[in-house]
């Protein structure tokens, strides 16, 4: 026989220590919605960013990358990080076209892979 939630306390039911006697379902939904909104915001911020792994040994290499990638259609800006050997292209450009152009500059260019 199912018991009324109010009867559970009187029948010797011992609730979890985090239970405060109220239904926290709406709080959990609000927290989940907040997390989803933050995740979507991060994805939107990531949209329009193409990260490439590319050997950059000197300023000449960096200038070459800027000279070749900047005039492409949809490219807003190009940033190079010589220490990380990373090129960041911002804009609405096609990632495959950017990679193809980068491979013309240096055949070892590839998409950036996050290290976990």
PDB file of N, CA and C in Angstrom:
ATOM      1  N   UNK A   1       0.828  -1.158   0.000  1.00  0.00           N
ATOM      2  CA  UNK A   1       0.000   0.000   0.000  1.00  0.00           C
ATOM      3  C   UNK A   1       0.891   1.246   0.000  1.00  0.00           C
ATOM      4  N   UNK A   2       0.616   2.153  -0.923  1.00  0.00           N
ATOM      5  CA  UNK A   2       1.395   3.387  -1.035  1.00  0.00           C
ATOM      6  C   UNK A   2       1.035   4.320   0.105  1.00  0.00           C
ATOM      7  N   UNK A   3       2.036   4.974   0.597  1.00  0.00           N
ATOM      8  CA  UNK A   3       1.820   5.880   1.718  1.00  0.00           C
ATOM      9  C   UNK A   3       1.821   7.319   1.232  1.00  0.00           C
ATOM     10  N   UNK A   4       1.095   8.124   1.913  1.00  0.00           N
ATOM     11  CA  UNK A   4       1.101   9.556   1.683  1.00  0.00           C
ATOM     12  C   UNK A   4       2.470  10.090   2.103  1.00  0.00           C
ATOM     13  N   UNK A   5       3.048  11.022   1.346  1.00  0.00           N
ATOM     14  CA  UNK A   5       4.371  11.537   1.733  1.00  0.00           C
ATOM     15  C   UNK A   5       4.420  12.073   3.158  1.00  0.00           C
ATOM     16  N   UNK A   6       3.318  12.612   3.652  1.00  0.00           N
ATOM     17  CA  UNK A   6       3.308  13.116   5.028  1.00  0.00           C
ATOM     18  C   UNK A   6       3.366  11.984   6.043  1.00  0.00           C
ATOM     19  N   UNK A   7       2.829  10.825   5.670  1.00  0.00           N
ATOM     20  CA  UNK A   7       2.820   9.690   6.577  1.00  0.00           C
ATOM     21  C   UNK A   7       4.196   9.055   6.689  1.00  0.00           C
ATOM     22  N   UNK A   8       5.087   9.285   5.699  1.00  0.00           N
ATOM     23  CA  UNK A   8       6.397   8.652   5.727  1.00  0.00           C
ATOM     24  C   UNK A   8       7.201   9.074   6.952  1.00  0.00           C
ATOM     25  N   UNK A   9       7.077  10.312   7.356  1.00  0.00           N
ATOM     26  CA  UNK A   9       7.814  10.783   8.519  1.00  0.00           C
ATOM     27  C   UNK A   9       7.309  10.124   9.799  1.00  0.00           C
ATOM     28  N   UNK A  10       6.016   9.922   9.863  1.00  0.00           N
ATOM     29  CA  UNK A  10       5.420   9.359  11.078  1.00  0.00           C
ATOM     30  C   UNK A  10       5.587   7.853  11.146  1.00  0.00           C
ATOM     31  N   UNK A  11       5.843   7.215  10.020  1.00  0.00           N
ATOM     32  CA  UNK A  11       5.968   5.759  10.007  1.00  0.00           C
ATOM     33  C   UNK A  11       7.411   5.326  10.248  1.00  0.00           C
ATOM     34  N   UNK A  12       8.280   6.259  10.628  1.00  0.00           N
ATOM     35  CA  UNK A  12       9.654   5.899  10.911  1.00  0.00           C
ATOM     36  C   UNK A  12      10.571   6.071   9.711  1.00  0.00           C
ATOM     37  N   UNK A  13      10.081   6.694   8.660  1.00  0.00           N
ATOM     38  CA  UNK A  13      10.907   6.932   7.473  1.00  0.00           C
ATOM     39  C   UNK A  13      11.943   7.987   7.801  1.00  0.00           C
ATOM     40  N   UNK A  14      13.181   7.716   7.497  1.00  0.00           N
ATOM     41  CA  UNK A  14      14.265   8.644   7.772  1.00  0.00           C
ATOM     42  C   UNK A  14      14.765   9.203   6.429  1.00  0.00           C
ATOM     43  N   UNK A  15      14.471  10.448   6.114  1.00  0.00           N
ATOM     44  CA  UNK A  15      14.874  10.990   4.817  1.00  0.00           C
ATOM     45  C   UNK A  15      16.378  11.237   4.749  1.00  0.00           C
ATOM     46  N   UNK A  16      16.866  11.434   3.546  1.00  0.00           N
ATOM     47  CA  UNK A  16      18.274  11.750   3.332  1.00  0.00           C
ATOM     48  C   UNK A  16      18.614  13.059   4.028  1.00  0.00           C
ATOM     49  N   UNK A  17      19.882  13.251   4.390  1.00  0.00           N
ATOM     50  CA  UNK A  17      20.248  14.471   5.108  1.00  0.00           C
ATOM     51  C   UNK A  17      20.040  15.745   4.277  1.00  0.00           C
ATOM     52  N   UNK A  18      20.074  15.659   2.960  1.00  0.00           N
ATOM     53  CA  UNK A  18      19.883  16.843   2.126  1.00  0.00           C
ATOM     54  C   UNK A  18      18.423  17.192   1.938  1.00  0.00           C
ATOM     55  N   UNK A  19      17.523  16.307   2.329  1.00  0.00           N
ATOM     56  CA  UNK A  19      16.106  16.549   2.113  1.00  0.00           C
ATOM     57  C   UNK A  19      15.604  17.608   3.083  1.00  0.00           C
ATOM     58  N   UNK A  20      14.989  18.664   2.546  1.00  0.00           N
ATOM     59  CA  UNK A  20      14.525  19.748   3.411  1.00  0.00           C
ATOM     60  C   UNK A  20      13.005  19.774   3.543  1.00  0.00           C
ATOM     61  N   UNK A  21      12.342  18.764   3.040  1.00  0.00           N
ATOM     62  CA  UNK A  21      10.901  18.694   3.188  1.00  0.00           C
ATOM     63  C   UNK A  21      10.126  19.330   2.052  1.00  0.00           C
ATOM     64  N   UNK A  22      10.830  19.908   1.086  1.00  0.00           N
ATOM     65  CA  UNK A  22      10.152  20.537  -0.036  1.00  0.00           C
ATOM     66  C   UNK A  22      10.557  19.849  -1.332  1.00  0.00           C
ATOM     67  N   UNK A  23       9.753  20.032  -2.320  1.00  0.00           N
ATOM     68  CA  UNK A  23      10.056  19.463  -3.624  1.00  0.00           C
ATOM     69  C   UNK A  23      11.026  20.403  -4.348  1.00  0.00           C
ATOM     70  N   UNK A  24      12.250  19.974  -4.492  1.00  0.00           N
ATOM     71  CA  UNK A  24      13.274  20.801  -5.125  1.00  0.00           C
ATOM     72  C   UNK A  24      13.339  20.585  -6.639  1.00  0.00           C
ATOM     73  N   UNK A  25      12.349  19.958  -7.216  1.00  0.00           N
ATOM     74  CA  UNK A  25      12.361  19.666  -8.643  1.00  0.00           C
ATOM     75  C   UNK A  25      12.490  20.945  -9.468  1.00  0.00           C
ATOM     76  N   UNK A  26      11.745  21.980  -9.087  1.00  0.00           N
ATOM     77  CA  UNK A  26      11.786  23.213  -9.875  1.00  0.00           C
ATOM     78  C   UNK A  26      13.144  23.895  -9.762  1.00  0.00           C
ATOM     79  N   UNK A  27      13.825  23.731  -8.625  1.00  0.00           N
ATOM     80  CA  UNK A  27      15.166  24.301  -8.472  1.00  0.00           C
ATOM     81  C   UNK A  27      16.145  23.569  -9.389  1.00  0.00           C
ATOM     82  N   UNK A  28      16.034  22.249  -9.419  1.00  0.00           N
ATOM     83  CA  UNK A  28      16.926  21.464 -10.273  1.00  0.00           C
ATOM     84  C   UNK A  28      16.703  21.804 -11.745  1.00  0.00           C
ATOM     85  N   UNK A  29      15.452  22.000 -12.133  1.00  0.00           N
ATOM     86  CA  UNK A  29      15.167  22.376 -13.524  1.00  0.00           C
ATOM     87  C   UNK A  29      15.783  23.729 -13.842  1.00  0.00           C
ATOM     88  N   UNK A  30      15.716  24.666 -12.917  1.00  0.00           N
ATOM     89  CA  UNK A  30      16.288  25.991 -13.139  1.00  0.00           C
ATOM     90  C   UNK A  30      17.810  25.891 -13.270  1.00  0.00           C
ATOM     91  N   UNK A  31      18.444  25.070 -12.428  1.00  0.00           N
ATOM     92  CA  UNK A  31      19.892  24.900 -12.510  1.00  0.00           C
ATOM     93  C   UNK A  31      20.301  24.242 -13.827  1.00  0.00           C
ATOM     94  N   UNK A  32      19.530  23.234 -14.249  1.00  0.00           N
ATOM     95  CA  UNK A  32      19.823  22.573 -15.524  1.00  0.00           C
ATOM     96  C   UNK A  32      19.655  23.545 -16.688  1.00  0.00           C
ATOM     97  N   UNK A  33      18.617  24.354 -16.648  1.00  0.00           N
ATOM     98  CA  UNK A  33      18.397  25.338 -17.710  1.00  0.00           C
ATOM     99  C   UNK A  33      19.543  26.339 -17.747  1.00  0.00           C
ATOM    100  N   UNK A  34      20.033  26.712 -16.567  1.00  0.00           N
ATOM    101  CA  UNK A  34      21.156  27.645 -16.474  1.00  0.00           C
ATOM    102  C   UNK A  34      22.421  27.026 -17.072  1.00  0.00           C
ATOM    103  N   UNK A  35      22.671  25.752 -16.781  1.00  0.00           N
ATOM    104  CA  UNK A  35      23.833  25.052 -17.328  1.00  0.00           C
ATOM    105  C   UNK A  35      23.736  24.929 -18.847  1.00  0.00           C
ATOM    106  N   UNK A  36      22.540  24.610 -19.338  1.00  0.00           N
ATOM    107  CA  UNK A  36      22.343  24.489 -20.773  1.00  0.00           C
ATOM    108  C   UNK A  36      22.545  25.832 -21.469  1.00  0.00           C
ATOM    109  N   UNK A  37      22.080  26.910 -20.854  1.00  0.00           N
ATOM    110  CA  UNK A  37      22.259  28.237 -21.436  1.00  0.00           C
ATOM    111  C   UNK A  37      23.739  28.599 -21.496  1.00  0.00           C
ATOM    112  N   UNK A  38      24.472  28.250 -20.441  1.00  0.00           N
ATOM    113  CA  UNK A  38      25.916  28.528 -20.420  1.00  0.00           C
ATOM    114  C   UNK A  38      26.647  27.703 -21.484  1.00  0.00           C
ATOM    115  N   UNK A  39      26.245  26.444 -21.631  1.00  0.00           N
ATOM    116  CA  UNK A  39      26.856  25.576 -22.639  1.00  0.00           C
ATOM    117  C   UNK A  39      26.586  26.106 -24.041  1.00  0.00           C
ATOM    118  N   UNK A  40      25.347  26.547 -24.289  1.00  0.00           N
ATOM    119  CA  UNK A  40      24.990  27.097 -25.592  1.00  0.00           C
ATOM    120  C   UNK A  40      25.778  28.381 -25.868  1.00  0.00           C
ATOM    121  N   UNK A  41      25.963  29.188 -24.820  1.00  0.00           N
ATOM    122  CA  UNK A  41      26.718  30.426 -24.960  1.00  0.00           C
ATOM    123  C   UNK A  41      28.162  30.128 -25.356  1.00  0.00           C
ATOM    124  N   UNK A  42      28.749  29.085 -24.746  1.00  0.00           N
ATOM    125  CA  UNK A  42      30.107  28.692 -25.089  1.00  0.00           C
ATOM    126  C   UNK A  42      30.183  28.176 -26.524  1.00  0.00           C
ATOM    127  N   UNK A  43      29.176  27.401 -26.946  1.00  0.00           N
ATOM    128  CA  UNK A  43      29.158  26.891 -28.321  1.00  0.00           C
ATOM    129  C   UNK A  43      29.014  28.034 -29.316  1.00  0.00           C
ATOM    130  N   UNK A  44      28.160  29.014 -28.991  1.00  0.00           N
ATOM    131  CA  UNK A  44      27.988  30.167 -29.869  1.00  0.00           C
ATOM    132  C   UNK A  44      29.275  30.974 -29.958  1.00  0.00           C
ATOM    133  N   UNK A  45      29.974  31.066 -28.829  1.00  0.00           N
ATOM    134  CA  UNK A  45      31.245  31.789 -28.842  1.00  0.00           C
ATOM    135  C   UNK A  45      32.271  31.032 -29.675  1.00  0.00           C
ATOM    136  N   UNK A  46      32.168  29.705 -29.684  1.00  0.00           N
ATOM    137  CA  UNK A  46      33.092  28.871 -30.436  1.00  0.00           C
ATOM    138  C   UNK A  46      32.778  28.899 -31.929  1.00  0.00           C
ATOM    139  N   UNK A  47      31.516  29.186 -32.281  1.00  0.00           N
ATOM    140  CA  UNK A  47      31.146  29.262 -33.691  1.00  0.00           C
ATOM    141  C   UNK A  47      31.925  30.382 -34.346  1.00  0.00           C
ATOM    142  N   UNK A  48      32.371  30.131 -35.537  1.00  0.00           N
ATOM    143  CA  UNK A  48      33.098  31.161 -36.246  1.00  0.00           C
ATOM    144  C   UNK A  48      34.572  31.199 -35.886  1.00  0.00           C
ATOM    145  N   UNK A  49      35.037  30.214 -35.122  1.00  0.00           N
ATOM    146  CA  UNK A  49      36.446  30.138 -34.763  1.00  0.00           C
ATOM    147  C   UNK A  49      37.007  28.826 -35.299  1.00  0.00           C
ATOM    148  N   UNK A  50      38.065  28.933 -36.074  1.00  0.00           N
ATOM    149  CA  UNK A  50      38.737  27.762 -36.626  1.00  0.00           C
ATOM    150  C   UNK A  50      40.132  27.734 -36.019  1.00  0.00           C
ATOM    151  N   UNK A  51      40.455  26.635 -35.352  1.00  0.00           N
ATOM    152  CA  UNK A  51      41.759  26.506 -34.723  1.00  0.00           C
ATOM    153  C   UNK A  51      42.585  25.491 -35.502  1.00  0.00           C
ATOM    154  N   UNK A  52      43.790  25.896 -35.865  1.00  0.00           N
ATOM    155  CA  UNK A  52      44.677  25.039 -36.640  1.00  0.00           C
ATOM    156  C   UNK A  52      45.974  24.817 -35.880  1.00  0.00           C
ATOM    157  N   UNK A  53      46.511  23.600 -36.006  1.00  0.00           N
ATOM    158  CA  UNK A  53      47.837  23.291 -35.493  1.00  0.00           C
ATOM    159  C   UNK A  53      48.779  23.416 -36.677  1.00  0.00           C
ATOM    160  N   UNK A  54      49.800  24.275 -36.540  1.00  0.00           N
ATOM    161  CA  UNK A  54      50.658  24.573 -37.673  1.00  0.00           C
ATOM    162  C   UNK A  54      52.048  24.960 -37.174  1.00  0.00           C
ATOM    163  N   UNK A  55      53.103  24.382 -37.728  1.00  0.00           N
ATOM    164  CA  UNK A  55      54.445  24.758 -37.293  1.00  0.00           C
ATOM    165  C   UNK A  55      54.754  26.219 -37.649  1.00  0.00           C
ATOM    166  N   UNK A  56      55.104  27.002 -36.653  1.00  0.00           N
ATOM    167  CA  UNK A  56      55.472  28.408 -36.842  1.00  0.00           C
ATOM    168  C   UNK A  56      56.854  28.597 -36.211  1.00  0.00           C
ATOM    169  N   UNK A  57      57.892  28.623 -37.033  1.00  0.00           N
ATOM    170  CA  UNK A  57      59.250  28.664 -36.490  1.00  0.00           C
ATOM    171  C   UNK A  57      59.778  30.084 -36.325  1.00  0.00           C
ATOM    172  N   UNK A  58      59.252  31.040 -37.102  1.00  0.00           N
ATOM    173  CA  UNK A  58      59.809  32.393 -37.052  1.00  0.00           C
ATOM    174  C   UNK A  58      58.737  33.428 -37.415  1.00  0.00           C
ATOM    175  N   UNK A  59      59.122  34.698 -37.355  1.00  0.00           N
ATOM    176  CA  UNK A  59      58.199  35.776 -37.719  1.00  0.00           C
ATOM    177  C   UNK A  59      57.832  35.703 -39.200  1.00  0.00           C
ATOM    178  N   UNK A  60      58.730  35.205 -40.015  1.00  0.00           N
ATOM    179  CA  UNK A  60      58.449  35.066 -41.440  1.00  0.00           C
ATOM    180  C   UNK A  60      57.285  34.112 -41.692  1.00  0.00           C
ATOM    181  N   UNK A  61      57.252  33.020 -40.938  1.00  0.00           N
ATOM    182  CA  UNK A  61      56.151  32.048 -41.063  1.00  0.00           C
ATOM    183  C   UNK A  61      54.826  32.698 -40.654  1.00  0.00           C
ATOM    184  N   UNK A  62      54.873  33.461 -39.585  1.00  0.00           N
ATOM    185  CA  UNK A  62      53.659  34.121 -39.088  1.00  0.00           C
ATOM    186  C   UNK A  62      53.157  35.132 -40.115  1.00  0.00           C
ATOM    187  N   UNK A  63      54.069  35.905 -40.685  1.00  0.00           N
ATOM    188  CA  UNK A  63      53.679  36.890 -41.705  1.00  0.00           C
ATOM    189  C   UNK A  63      53.094  36.203 -42.935  1.00  0.00           C
ATOM    190  N   UNK A  64      53.666  35.056 -43.302  1.00  0.00           N
ATOM    191  CA  UNK A  64      53.175  34.295 -44.454  1.00  0.00           C
ATOM    192  C   UNK A  64      51.747  33.808 -44.206  1.00  0.00           C
ATOM    193  N   UNK A  65      51.496  33.312 -42.999  1.00  0.00           N
ATOM    194  CA  UNK A  65      50.157  32.835 -42.634  1.00  0.00           C
ATOM    195  C   UNK A  65      49.160  33.989 -42.704  1.00  0.00           C
ATOM    196  N   UNK A  66      49.515  35.134 -42.128  1.00  0.00           N
ATOM    197  CA  UNK A  66      48.637  36.301 -42.167  1.00  0.00           C
ATOM    198  C   UNK A  66      48.377  36.724 -43.615  1.00  0.00           C
ATOM    199  N   UNK A  67      49.425  36.762 -44.419  1.00  0.00           N
ATOM    200  CA  UNK A  67      49.318  37.230 -45.802  1.00  0.00           C
ATOM    201  C   UNK A  67      48.409  36.330 -46.637  1.00  0.00           C
ATOM    202  N   UNK A  68      48.455  35.023 -46.395  1.00  0.00           N
ATOM    203  CA  UNK A  68      47.678  34.073 -47.201  1.00  0.00           C
ATOM    204  C   UNK A  68      46.246  33.881 -46.690  1.00  0.00           C
ATOM    205  N   UNK A  69      46.053  33.881 -45.384  1.00  0.00           N
ATOM    206  CA  UNK A  69      44.726  33.573 -44.837  1.00  0.00           C
ATOM    207  C   UNK A  69      43.830  34.801 -44.687  1.00  0.00           C
ATOM    208  N   UNK A  70      44.387  35.957 -44.415  1.00  0.00           N
ATOM    209  CA  UNK A  70      43.578  37.160 -44.162  1.00  0.00           C
ATOM    210  C   UNK A  70      42.684  37.544 -45.341  1.00  0.00           C
ATOM    211  N   UNK A  71      43.159  37.483 -46.618  1.00  0.00           N
ATOM    212  CA  UNK A  71      42.284  37.902 -47.715  1.00  0.00           C
ATOM    213  C   UNK A  71      41.193  36.899 -48.112  1.00  0.00           C
ATOM    214  N   UNK A  72      41.137  35.744 -47.470  1.00  0.00           N
ATOM    215  CA  UNK A  72      40.113  34.749 -47.820  1.00  0.00           C
ATOM    216  C   UNK A  72      38.716  35.271 -47.494  1.00  0.00           C
ATOM    217  N   UNK A  73      37.734  34.798 -48.250  1.00  0.00           N
ATOM    218  CA  UNK A  73      36.345  35.180 -48.012  1.00  0.00           C
ATOM    219  C   UNK A  73      35.879  34.650 -46.656  1.00  0.00           C
ATOM    220  N   UNK A  74      35.284  35.516 -45.859  1.00  0.00           N
ATOM    221  CA  UNK A  74      34.722  35.118 -44.569  1.00  0.00           C
ATOM    222  C   UNK A  74      35.692  35.178 -43.414  1.00  0.00           C
ATOM    223  N   UNK A  75      36.951  35.502 -43.659  1.00  0.00           N
ATOM    224  CA  UNK A  75      37.934  35.576 -42.574  1.00  0.00           C
ATOM    225  C   UNK A  75      37.940  36.990 -42.008  1.00  0.00           C
ATOM    226  N   UNK A  76      37.652  37.107 -40.714  1.00  0.00           N
ATOM    227  CA  UNK A  76      37.641  38.413 -40.058  1.00  0.00           C
ATOM    228  C   UNK A  76      39.011  38.742 -39.478  1.00  0.00           C
ATOM    229  N   UNK A  77      39.642  37.750 -38.834  1.00  0.00           N
ATOM    230  CA  UNK A  77      40.967  37.989 -38.254  1.00  0.00           C
ATOM    231  C   UNK A  77      41.747  36.687 -38.169  1.00  0.00           C
ATOM    232  N   UNK A  78      43.064  36.826 -38.102  1.00  0.00           N
ATOM    233  CA  UNK A  78      43.960  35.682 -37.977  1.00  0.00           C
ATOM    234  C   UNK A  78      44.899  35.968 -36.811  1.00  0.00           C
ATOM    235  N   UNK A  79      44.985  35.018 -35.876  1.00  0.00           N
ATOM    236  CA  UNK A  79      45.883  35.149 -34.733  1.00  0.00           C
ATOM    237  C   UNK A  79      46.826  33.955 -34.722  1.00  0.00           C
ATOM    238  N   UNK A  80      48.105  34.208 -34.497  1.00  0.00           N
ATOM    239  CA  UNK A  80      49.105  33.153 -34.451  1.00  0.00           C
ATOM    240  C   UNK A  80      49.761  33.113 -33.075  1.00  0.00           C
ATOM    241  N   UNK A  81      49.899  31.913 -32.530  1.00  0.00           N
ATOM    242  CA  UNK A  81      50.597  31.700 -31.267  1.00  0.00           C
ATOM    243  C   UNK A  81      51.796  30.804 -31.546  1.00  0.00           C
ATOM    244  N   UNK A  82      52.977  31.422 -31.558  1.00  0.00           N
ATOM    245  CA  UNK A  82      54.179  30.695 -31.928  1.00  0.00           C
ATOM    246  C   UNK A  82      54.565  29.668 -30.869  1.00  0.00           C
ATOM    247  N   UNK A  83      54.323  29.944 -29.599  1.00  0.00           N
ATOM    248  CA  UNK A  83      54.685  29.001 -28.544  1.00  0.00           C
ATOM    249  C   UNK A  83      53.853  27.721 -28.604  1.00  0.00           C
ATOM    250  N   UNK A  84      52.562  27.874 -28.847  1.00  0.00           N
ATOM    251  CA  UNK A  84      51.670  26.710 -28.915  1.00  0.00           C
ATOM    252  C   UNK A  84      51.619  26.106 -30.309  1.00  0.00           C
ATOM    253  N   UNK A  85      52.213  26.790 -31.300  1.00  0.00           N
ATOM    254  CA  UNK A  85      52.151  26.345 -32.697  1.00  0.00           C
ATOM    255  C   UNK A  85      50.691  26.261 -33.142  1.00  0.00           C
ATOM    256  N   UNK A  86      49.961  27.340 -32.870  1.00  0.00           N
ATOM    257  CA  UNK A  86      48.511  27.363 -33.096  1.00  0.00           C
ATOM    258  C   UNK A  86      48.125  28.614 -33.881  1.00  0.00           C
ATOM    259  N   UNK A  87      47.195  28.433 -34.826  1.00  0.00           N
ATOM    260  CA  UNK A  87      46.655  29.545 -35.606  1.00  0.00           C
ATOM    261  C   UNK A  87      45.148  29.572 -35.365  1.00  0.00           C
ATOM    262  N   UNK A  88      44.612  30.739 -35.010  1.00  0.00           N
ATOM    263  CA  UNK A  88      43.181  30.909 -34.761  1.00  0.00           C
ATOM    264  C   UNK A  88      42.625  31.840 -35.837  1.00  0.00           C
ATOM    265  N   UNK A  89      41.656  31.335 -36.590  1.00  0.00           N
ATOM    266  CA  UNK A  89      41.014  32.111 -37.648  1.00  0.00           C
ATOM    267  C   UNK A  89      39.589  32.390 -37.205  1.00  0.00           C
ATOM    268  N   UNK A  90      39.222  33.668 -37.137  1.00  0.00           N
ATOM    269  CA  UNK A  90      37.870  34.057 -36.734  1.00  0.00           C
ATOM    270  C   UNK A  90      37.120  34.580 -37.946  1.00  0.00           C
ATOM    271  N   UNK A  91      35.842  34.216 -38.023  1.00  0.00           N
ATOM    272  CA  UNK A  91      34.994  34.660 -39.123  1.00  0.00           C
ATOM    273  C   UNK A  91      34.075  33.536 -39.563  1.00  0.00           C
ATOM    274  N   UNK A  92      33.436  33.741 -40.696  1.00  0.00           N
ATOM    275  CA  UNK A  92      32.471  32.776 -41.222  1.00  0.00           C
ATOM    276  C   UNK A  92      33.042  31.950 -42.366  1.00  0.00           C
ATOM    277  N   UNK A  93      34.335  31.802 -42.423  1.00  0.00           N
ATOM    278  CA  UNK A  93      34.971  31.064 -43.522  1.00  0.00           C
ATOM    279  C   UNK A  93      34.713  29.567 -43.391  1.00  0.00           C
ATOM    280  N   UNK A  94      34.788  28.882 -44.511  1.00  0.00           N
ATOM    281  CA  UNK A  94      34.632  27.431 -44.546  1.00  0.00           C
ATOM    282  C   UNK A  94      35.890  26.796 -43.949  1.00  0.00           C
ATOM    283  N   UNK A  95      35.763  25.978 -42.900  1.00  0.00           N
ATOM    284  CA  UNK A  95      36.942  25.379 -42.269  1.00  0.00           C
ATOM    285  C   UNK A  95      37.786  24.530 -43.219  1.00  0.00           C
ATOM    286  N   UNK A  96      37.125  23.805 -44.108  1.00  0.00           N
ATOM    287  CA  UNK A  96      37.865  22.964 -45.050  1.00  0.00           C
ATOM    288  C   UNK A  96      38.693  23.815 -46.008  1.00  0.00           C
ATOM    289  N   UNK A  97      38.144  24.932 -46.453  1.00  0.00           N
ATOM    290  CA  UNK A  97      38.872  25.824 -47.361  1.00  0.00           C
ATOM    291  C   UNK A  97      40.062  26.467 -46.648  1.00  0.00           C
ATOM    292  N   UNK A  98      39.871  26.825 -45.376  1.00  0.00           N
ATOM    293  CA  UNK A  98      40.959  27.417 -44.599  1.00  0.00           C
ATOM    294  C   UNK A  98      42.068  26.389 -44.405  1.00  0.00           C
ATOM    295  N   UNK A  99      41.698  25.146 -44.092  1.00  0.00           N
ATOM    296  CA  UNK A  99      42.697  24.093 -43.909  1.00  0.00           C
ATOM    297  C   UNK A  99      43.446  23.826 -45.214  1.00  0.00           C
ATOM    298  N   UNK A 100      42.733  23.815 -46.312  1.00  0.00           N
ATOM    299  CA  UNK A 100      43.368  23.580 -47.612  1.00  0.00           C
ATOM    300  C   UNK A 100      44.399  24.675 -47.914  1.00  0.00           C
ATOM    301  N   UNK A 101      44.035  25.924 -47.649  1.00  0.00           N
ATOM    302  CA  UNK A 101      44.946  27.051 -47.867  1.00  0.00           C
ATOM    303  C   UNK A 101      46.132  26.961 -46.908  1.00  0.00           C
ATOM    304  N   UNK A 102      45.880  26.563 -45.658  1.00  0.00           N
ATOM    305  CA  UNK A 102      46.961  26.426 -44.677  1.00  0.00           C
ATOM    306  C   UNK A 102      47.923  25.313 -45.085  1.00  0.00           C
ATOM    307  N   UNK A 103      47.401  24.243 -45.668  1.00  0.00           N
ATOM    308  CA  UNK A 103      48.272  23.153 -46.119  1.00  0.00           C
ATOM    309  C   UNK A 103      49.116  23.558 -47.322  1.00  0.00           C
ATOM    310  N   UNK A 104      48.656  24.550 -48.072  1.00  0.00           N
ATOM    311  CA  UNK A 104      49.486  25.088 -49.151  1.00  0.00           C
ATOM    312  C   UNK A 104      50.670  25.866 -48.561  1.00  0.00           C
ATOM    313  N   UNK A 105      50.457  26.479 -47.404  1.00  0.00           N
ATOM    314  CA  UNK A 105      51.522  27.214 -46.727  1.00  0.00           C
ATOM    315  C   UNK A 105      52.493  26.219 -46.087  1.00  0.00           C
ATOM    316  N   UNK A 106      51.945  25.250 -45.357  1.00  0.00           N
ATOM    317  CA  UNK A 106      52.747  24.236 -44.695  1.00  0.00           C
ATOM    318  C   UNK A 106      51.973  22.926 -44.718  1.00  0.00           C
ATOM    319  N   UNK A 107      52.560  21.882 -45.281  1.00  0.00           N
ATOM    320  CA  UNK A 107      51.826  20.625 -45.466  1.00  0.00           C
ATOM    321  C   UNK A 107      51.488  19.914 -44.154  1.00  0.00           C
ATOM    322  N   UNK A 108      52.100  20.308 -43.033  1.00  0.00           N
ATOM    323  CA  UNK A 108      51.809  19.673 -41.748  1.00  0.00           C
ATOM    324  C   UNK A 108      50.669  20.348 -40.992  1.00  0.00           C
ATOM    325  N   UNK A 109      50.010  21.293 -41.606  1.00  0.00           N
ATOM    326  CA  UNK A 109      48.880  21.980 -40.954  1.00  0.00           C
ATOM    327  C   UNK A 109      47.712  21.009 -40.788  1.00  0.00           C
ATOM    328  N   UNK A 110      47.019  21.137 -39.660  1.00  0.00           N
ATOM    329  CA  UNK A 110      45.865  20.282 -39.374  1.00  0.00           C
ATOM    330  C   UNK A 110      44.967  21.017 -38.378  1.00  0.00           C
ATOM    331  N   UNK A 111      43.749  20.496 -38.182  1.00  0.00           N
ATOM    332  CA  UNK A 111      42.861  21.089 -37.191  1.00  0.00           C
ATOM    333  C   UNK A 111      43.437  20.868 -35.802  1.00  0.00           C
ATOM    334  N   UNK A 112      43.243  21.832 -34.907  1.00  0.00           N
ATOM    335  CA  UNK A 112      43.730  21.754 -33.544  1.00  0.00           C
ATOM    336  C   UNK A 112      42.981  20.693 -32.782  1.00  0.00           C
ATOM    337  N   UNK A 113      43.706  19.831 -32.091  1.00  0.00           N
ATOM    338  CA  UNK A 113      43.098  18.777 -31.282  1.00  0.00           C
ATOM    339  C   UNK A 113      43.340  19.124 -29.820  1.00  0.00           C
ATOM    340  N   UNK A 114      42.244  19.216 -29.041  1.00  0.00           N
ATOM    341  CA  UNK A 114      42.341  19.525 -27.619  1.00  0.00           C
ATOM    342  C   UNK A 114      42.980  18.344 -26.897  1.00  0.00           C
ATOM    343  N   UNK A 115      43.913  18.629 -26.005  1.00  0.00           N
ATOM    344  CA  UNK A 115      44.528  17.585 -25.187  1.00  0.00           C
ATOM    345  C   UNK A 115      43.735  17.466 -23.901  1.00  0.00           C
ATOM    346  N   UNK A 116      43.249  16.265 -23.620  1.00  0.00           N
ATOM    347  CA  UNK A 116      42.421  16.043 -22.430  1.00  0.00           C
ATOM    348  C   UNK A 116      43.189  15.352 -21.357  1.00  0.00           C
TER     349      UNK A 116
END
